[in-house]
N, C-alpha and C. Protein backbone atom coordinates (compact mmCIF):
# COMPACT_ATOMS: atom_id res chain seq x y z
N MET A 1 -14.86 222.31 57.95
CA MET A 1 -15.77 221.47 58.72
C MET A 1 -17.01 222.28 59.06
N THR A 2 -18.09 221.58 59.16
CA THR A 2 -19.33 222.22 59.56
C THR A 2 -19.80 221.64 60.87
N LYS A 3 -20.70 222.32 61.49
CA LYS A 3 -21.24 221.86 62.76
C LYS A 3 -22.08 220.60 62.54
N ASP A 4 -22.11 219.76 63.56
CA ASP A 4 -22.90 218.53 63.50
C ASP A 4 -24.39 218.80 63.42
N ASP A 5 -24.85 219.99 63.81
CA ASP A 5 -26.28 220.24 63.83
C ASP A 5 -26.85 220.58 62.46
N GLY A 6 -25.97 220.58 61.42
CA GLY A 6 -26.44 220.81 60.08
C GLY A 6 -26.65 222.27 59.74
N ALA A 7 -26.22 223.18 60.60
CA ALA A 7 -26.43 224.60 60.35
C ALA A 7 -25.59 225.12 59.20
N GLY A 8 -24.58 224.36 58.77
CA GLY A 8 -23.77 224.76 57.64
C GLY A 8 -22.71 225.79 57.95
N GLU A 9 -22.48 226.08 59.20
CA GLU A 9 -21.46 227.05 59.59
C GLU A 9 -20.11 226.35 59.72
N SER A 10 -19.08 227.01 59.22
CA SER A 10 -17.73 226.46 59.34
C SER A 10 -17.23 226.63 60.77
N ALA A 11 -16.38 225.69 61.18
CA ALA A 11 -15.75 225.81 62.49
C ALA A 11 -14.75 226.96 62.45
N ALA A 12 -14.76 227.78 63.47
CA ALA A 12 -13.82 228.88 63.57
C ALA A 12 -12.48 228.41 64.11
N ILE A 13 -12.51 227.34 64.91
CA ILE A 13 -11.30 226.79 65.52
C ILE A 13 -11.29 225.29 65.29
N VAL A 14 -10.20 224.79 64.74
CA VAL A 14 -10.02 223.35 64.56
C VAL A 14 -8.76 222.95 65.31
N ALA A 15 -8.89 222.00 66.22
CA ALA A 15 -7.77 221.52 67.01
C ALA A 15 -7.41 220.11 66.56
N ILE A 16 -6.11 219.82 66.56
CA ILE A 16 -5.60 218.50 66.19
C ILE A 16 -4.74 218.01 67.35
N GLY A 17 -4.98 216.78 67.81
CA GLY A 17 -4.16 216.27 68.90
C GLY A 17 -4.65 214.95 69.44
N GLU A 18 -4.11 214.61 70.61
CA GLU A 18 -4.48 213.37 71.27
C GLU A 18 -5.17 213.68 72.59
N ALA A 19 -6.40 213.27 72.69
CA ALA A 19 -7.13 213.36 73.96
C ALA A 19 -6.99 212.02 74.66
N MET A 20 -6.97 212.06 75.97
CA MET A 20 -6.83 210.83 76.74
C MET A 20 -7.80 210.85 77.92
N VAL A 21 -8.04 209.67 78.45
CA VAL A 21 -8.82 209.55 79.67
C VAL A 21 -7.84 209.66 80.83
N GLU A 22 -8.22 210.45 81.81
CA GLU A 22 -7.36 210.72 82.97
C GLU A 22 -7.95 210.08 84.21
N PHE A 23 -7.09 209.47 85.00
CA PHE A 23 -7.48 208.99 86.33
C PHE A 23 -6.62 209.72 87.33
N ASN A 24 -7.26 210.56 88.14
CA ASN A 24 -6.56 211.43 89.08
C ASN A 24 -6.77 210.91 90.50
N ALA A 25 -5.65 210.68 91.22
CA ALA A 25 -5.75 210.21 92.61
C ALA A 25 -6.50 211.24 93.43
N VAL A 26 -7.43 210.76 94.23
CA VAL A 26 -8.27 211.65 95.02
C VAL A 26 -7.43 212.40 96.06
N ARG A 27 -6.56 211.68 96.76
CA ARG A 27 -5.73 212.31 97.79
C ARG A 27 -4.35 211.68 97.75
N SER A 28 -3.34 212.45 98.15
CA SER A 28 -1.98 211.91 98.15
C SER A 28 -1.81 210.80 99.17
N ASP A 29 -2.60 210.82 100.25
CA ASP A 29 -2.49 209.76 101.26
C ASP A 29 -3.35 208.55 100.94
N SER A 30 -4.06 208.59 99.80
CA SER A 30 -4.89 207.47 99.36
C SER A 30 -4.71 207.29 97.86
N PRO A 31 -3.53 206.82 97.43
CA PRO A 31 -3.24 206.75 95.99
C PRO A 31 -3.97 205.64 95.25
N ASP A 32 -4.84 204.90 95.92
CA ASP A 32 -5.56 203.81 95.26
C ASP A 32 -6.98 204.20 94.85
N THR A 33 -7.39 205.43 95.10
CA THR A 33 -8.72 205.89 94.75
C THR A 33 -8.58 206.99 93.70
N PHE A 34 -9.19 206.78 92.54
CA PHE A 34 -9.04 207.69 91.42
C PHE A 34 -10.39 208.20 90.94
N VAL A 35 -10.39 209.40 90.39
CA VAL A 35 -11.56 209.99 89.75
C VAL A 35 -11.27 210.09 88.26
N ARG A 36 -12.21 209.64 87.44
CA ARG A 36 -12.01 209.70 85.99
C ARG A 36 -12.29 211.10 85.48
N GLY A 37 -11.45 211.53 84.57
CA GLY A 37 -11.64 212.80 83.89
C GLY A 37 -11.11 212.66 82.47
N PHE A 38 -10.86 213.78 81.83
CA PHE A 38 -10.38 213.78 80.46
C PHE A 38 -9.23 214.76 80.35
N GLY A 39 -8.26 214.43 79.54
CA GLY A 39 -7.11 215.30 79.36
C GLY A 39 -6.72 215.41 77.91
N GLY A 40 -5.77 216.27 77.69
CA GLY A 40 -5.28 216.56 76.36
C GLY A 40 -5.45 218.05 76.11
N ASP A 41 -4.33 218.75 76.00
CA ASP A 41 -4.39 220.21 75.88
C ASP A 41 -5.26 220.67 74.72
N THR A 42 -5.15 220.02 73.57
CA THR A 42 -5.92 220.47 72.41
C THR A 42 -7.41 220.22 72.59
N SER A 43 -7.76 219.10 73.20
CA SER A 43 -9.16 218.82 73.49
C SER A 43 -9.70 219.83 74.50
N ASN A 44 -8.93 220.08 75.54
CA ASN A 44 -9.35 221.05 76.56
C ASN A 44 -9.58 222.43 75.94
N MET A 45 -8.71 222.83 75.02
CA MET A 45 -8.84 224.13 74.37
C MET A 45 -10.10 224.18 73.51
N ALA A 46 -10.37 223.12 72.75
CA ALA A 46 -11.56 223.09 71.90
C ALA A 46 -12.83 223.17 72.75
N ILE A 47 -12.84 222.47 73.87
CA ILE A 47 -14.00 222.51 74.77
C ILE A 47 -14.15 223.90 75.39
N ALA A 48 -13.05 224.48 75.85
CA ALA A 48 -13.12 225.82 76.46
C ALA A 48 -13.63 226.84 75.45
N ALA A 49 -13.13 226.79 74.22
CA ALA A 49 -13.58 227.73 73.19
C ALA A 49 -15.06 227.53 72.87
N ALA A 50 -15.50 226.26 72.81
CA ALA A 50 -16.91 225.98 72.54
C ALA A 50 -17.78 226.52 73.68
N ARG A 51 -17.32 226.39 74.90
CA ARG A 51 -18.09 226.92 76.04
C ARG A 51 -18.22 228.44 75.97
N LEU A 52 -17.24 229.08 75.33
CA LEU A 52 -17.28 230.54 75.18
C LEU A 52 -18.06 230.97 73.94
N GLY A 53 -18.60 229.99 73.21
CA GLY A 53 -19.44 230.29 72.08
C GLY A 53 -18.81 230.13 70.71
N ALA A 54 -17.54 229.73 70.64
CA ALA A 54 -16.89 229.54 69.35
C ALA A 54 -17.34 228.23 68.71
N ARG A 55 -17.37 228.20 67.41
CA ARG A 55 -17.64 226.96 66.68
C ARG A 55 -16.31 226.22 66.58
N THR A 56 -16.23 225.03 67.19
CA THR A 56 -14.97 224.30 67.24
C THR A 56 -15.13 222.91 66.62
N ALA A 57 -13.99 222.38 66.19
CA ALA A 57 -13.93 221.01 65.66
C ALA A 57 -12.65 220.37 66.17
N TYR A 58 -12.66 219.05 66.23
CA TYR A 58 -11.50 218.31 66.72
C TYR A 58 -11.12 217.24 65.72
N VAL A 59 -9.82 217.06 65.52
CA VAL A 59 -9.29 216.05 64.62
C VAL A 59 -8.37 215.14 65.44
N SER A 60 -8.70 213.87 65.49
CA SER A 60 -7.92 212.91 66.28
C SER A 60 -8.37 211.49 65.95
N ARG A 61 -7.90 210.56 66.74
CA ARG A 61 -8.34 209.16 66.69
C ARG A 61 -8.57 208.69 68.11
N VAL A 62 -9.58 207.88 68.28
CA VAL A 62 -9.84 207.22 69.56
C VAL A 62 -10.00 205.74 69.29
N GLY A 63 -9.84 204.94 70.32
CA GLY A 63 -10.07 203.51 70.19
C GLY A 63 -11.55 203.21 70.16
N ASP A 64 -11.88 202.05 69.63
CA ASP A 64 -13.27 201.58 69.64
C ASP A 64 -13.49 200.86 70.97
N ASP A 65 -13.47 201.64 72.04
CA ASP A 65 -13.57 201.09 73.39
C ASP A 65 -14.39 202.05 74.25
N ALA A 66 -14.62 201.67 75.49
CA ALA A 66 -15.44 202.49 76.39
C ALA A 66 -14.85 203.89 76.57
N PHE A 67 -13.53 204.00 76.61
CA PHE A 67 -12.90 205.30 76.81
C PHE A 67 -13.05 206.18 75.57
N GLY A 68 -12.92 205.60 74.39
CA GLY A 68 -13.13 206.36 73.17
C GLY A 68 -14.56 206.85 73.06
N ARG A 69 -15.51 205.98 73.42
CA ARG A 69 -16.92 206.38 73.40
C ARG A 69 -17.20 207.48 74.42
N ALA A 70 -16.53 207.44 75.57
CA ALA A 70 -16.71 208.48 76.59
C ALA A 70 -16.19 209.82 76.07
N LEU A 71 -15.07 209.82 75.36
CA LEU A 71 -14.56 211.07 74.78
C LEU A 71 -15.52 211.60 73.73
N LEU A 72 -16.05 210.73 72.89
CA LEU A 72 -17.00 211.18 71.87
C LEU A 72 -18.26 211.78 72.51
N ARG A 73 -18.74 211.18 73.61
CA ARG A 73 -19.89 211.74 74.34
C ARG A 73 -19.55 213.11 74.93
N LEU A 74 -18.34 213.22 75.50
CA LEU A 74 -17.91 214.50 76.06
C LEU A 74 -17.94 215.59 75.00
N TRP A 75 -17.33 215.33 73.84
CA TRP A 75 -17.29 216.34 72.79
C TRP A 75 -18.69 216.67 72.28
N ALA A 76 -19.55 215.66 72.17
CA ALA A 76 -20.93 215.92 71.73
C ALA A 76 -21.64 216.82 72.75
N ASP A 77 -21.48 216.50 74.03
CA ASP A 77 -22.10 217.30 75.08
C ASP A 77 -21.58 218.73 75.08
N GLU A 78 -20.32 218.90 74.71
CA GLU A 78 -19.69 220.23 74.72
C GLU A 78 -19.83 220.95 73.37
N ARG A 79 -20.54 220.34 72.42
CA ARG A 79 -20.78 220.92 71.10
C ARG A 79 -19.51 221.14 70.29
N VAL A 80 -18.60 220.16 70.36
CA VAL A 80 -17.39 220.16 69.54
C VAL A 80 -17.65 219.21 68.37
N ASP A 81 -17.47 219.70 67.15
CA ASP A 81 -17.67 218.90 65.94
C ASP A 81 -16.62 217.78 65.91
N THR A 82 -17.07 216.55 65.81
CA THR A 82 -16.16 215.40 65.86
C THR A 82 -16.08 214.62 64.56
N ARG A 83 -16.53 215.22 63.47
CA ARG A 83 -16.45 214.47 62.21
C ARG A 83 -15.01 214.21 61.80
N GLY A 84 -14.05 214.90 62.38
CA GLY A 84 -12.65 214.65 62.10
C GLY A 84 -12.02 213.66 63.07
N VAL A 85 -12.82 213.04 63.91
CA VAL A 85 -12.32 212.04 64.86
C VAL A 85 -12.62 210.65 64.32
N ALA A 86 -11.57 209.89 64.08
CA ALA A 86 -11.73 208.51 63.60
C ALA A 86 -11.74 207.56 64.79
N THR A 87 -12.49 206.49 64.65
CA THR A 87 -12.51 205.42 65.65
C THR A 87 -11.73 204.25 65.11
N ASP A 88 -10.71 203.83 65.84
CA ASP A 88 -9.82 202.76 65.41
C ASP A 88 -10.20 201.47 66.13
N PRO A 89 -10.69 200.46 65.41
CA PRO A 89 -11.11 199.22 66.05
C PRO A 89 -9.94 198.35 66.52
N SER A 90 -8.71 198.68 66.12
CA SER A 90 -7.58 197.83 66.48
C SER A 90 -6.62 198.49 67.48
N ALA A 91 -6.98 199.64 68.02
CA ALA A 91 -6.12 200.32 68.99
C ALA A 91 -6.96 200.85 70.13
N SER A 92 -6.33 201.03 71.27
CA SER A 92 -7.04 201.54 72.43
C SER A 92 -6.91 203.05 72.53
N THR A 93 -7.76 203.63 73.33
CA THR A 93 -7.69 205.06 73.64
C THR A 93 -6.62 205.25 74.71
N GLY A 94 -5.82 206.32 74.58
CA GLY A 94 -4.77 206.59 75.57
C GLY A 94 -5.34 206.92 76.94
N VAL A 95 -4.60 206.49 77.96
CA VAL A 95 -5.00 206.69 79.35
C VAL A 95 -3.78 207.17 80.13
N TYR A 96 -4.02 208.01 81.13
CA TYR A 96 -2.93 208.35 82.04
C TYR A 96 -3.45 208.49 83.46
N PHE A 97 -2.54 208.28 84.40
CA PHE A 97 -2.84 208.37 85.82
C PHE A 97 -2.05 209.52 86.43
N VAL A 98 -2.69 210.24 87.33
CA VAL A 98 -2.03 211.33 88.04
C VAL A 98 -2.05 210.99 89.52
N THR A 99 -0.86 210.93 90.12
CA THR A 99 -0.75 210.79 91.57
C THR A 99 -0.05 212.03 92.09
N HIS A 100 -0.07 212.19 93.40
CA HIS A 100 0.46 213.40 94.01
C HIS A 100 1.48 213.02 95.06
N GLY A 101 2.70 213.48 94.89
CA GLY A 101 3.77 213.19 95.84
C GLY A 101 4.40 214.46 96.35
N PRO A 102 5.49 214.34 97.09
CA PRO A 102 6.16 215.52 97.66
C PRO A 102 6.62 216.51 96.59
N ALA A 103 6.94 216.02 95.41
CA ALA A 103 7.40 216.90 94.33
C ALA A 103 6.24 217.44 93.49
N GLY A 104 5.02 217.08 93.81
CA GLY A 104 3.86 217.54 93.05
C GLY A 104 3.22 216.43 92.26
N HIS A 105 2.66 216.79 91.11
CA HIS A 105 1.96 215.82 90.26
C HIS A 105 2.96 214.85 89.63
N GLU A 106 2.57 213.58 89.63
CA GLU A 106 3.35 212.54 88.95
C GLU A 106 2.43 211.88 87.93
N PHE A 107 2.89 211.81 86.67
CA PHE A 107 2.08 211.29 85.58
C PHE A 107 2.60 209.94 85.12
N SER A 108 1.69 209.00 84.92
CA SER A 108 2.01 207.69 84.36
C SER A 108 1.14 207.50 83.13
N TYR A 109 1.78 207.46 81.96
CA TYR A 109 1.06 207.39 80.69
C TYR A 109 0.98 205.96 80.18
N LEU A 110 -0.20 205.56 79.71
CA LEU A 110 -0.42 204.28 79.05
C LEU A 110 -0.93 204.62 77.66
N ARG A 111 -0.01 205.05 76.79
CA ARG A 111 -0.46 205.50 75.48
C ARG A 111 0.35 204.95 74.33
N ALA A 112 1.38 204.17 74.59
CA ALA A 112 2.14 203.57 73.50
C ALA A 112 1.21 202.70 72.67
N GLY A 113 1.16 202.97 71.36
CA GLY A 113 0.31 202.21 70.47
C GLY A 113 -1.16 202.60 70.53
N SER A 114 -1.47 203.69 71.22
CA SER A 114 -2.87 204.12 71.29
C SER A 114 -3.34 204.61 69.93
N ALA A 115 -4.64 204.76 69.79
CA ALA A 115 -5.23 205.13 68.50
C ALA A 115 -4.68 206.45 67.97
N ALA A 116 -4.45 207.42 68.83
CA ALA A 116 -4.01 208.74 68.37
C ALA A 116 -2.50 208.84 68.18
N THR A 117 -1.74 207.86 68.65
CA THR A 117 -0.29 207.93 68.43
C THR A 117 0.01 207.51 67.02
């Protein structure tokens, strides 16, 4: 893979996985207020490496929806090559919610049938 800027340089790191949109509860005593973020270990790693100056690329699928477009904008802003990311018009982008209880973080995934599964 080469960088999107046309420089012709190969990516030093290529990550494959499922990125998702994350909704994290602001406070444990207010579980109805969420902040949007992004998750997915492989996506996070590609972004972190790009921030450190590595040439990175990502291989995945996102839905042709607002969340998929938000992930594509995130990767573009972070200089992660996304030519290996397909947009699926018939599937949604995976989403998960994080709430906080006495036992710590609780995750609720809405990803069955998502574009990257």
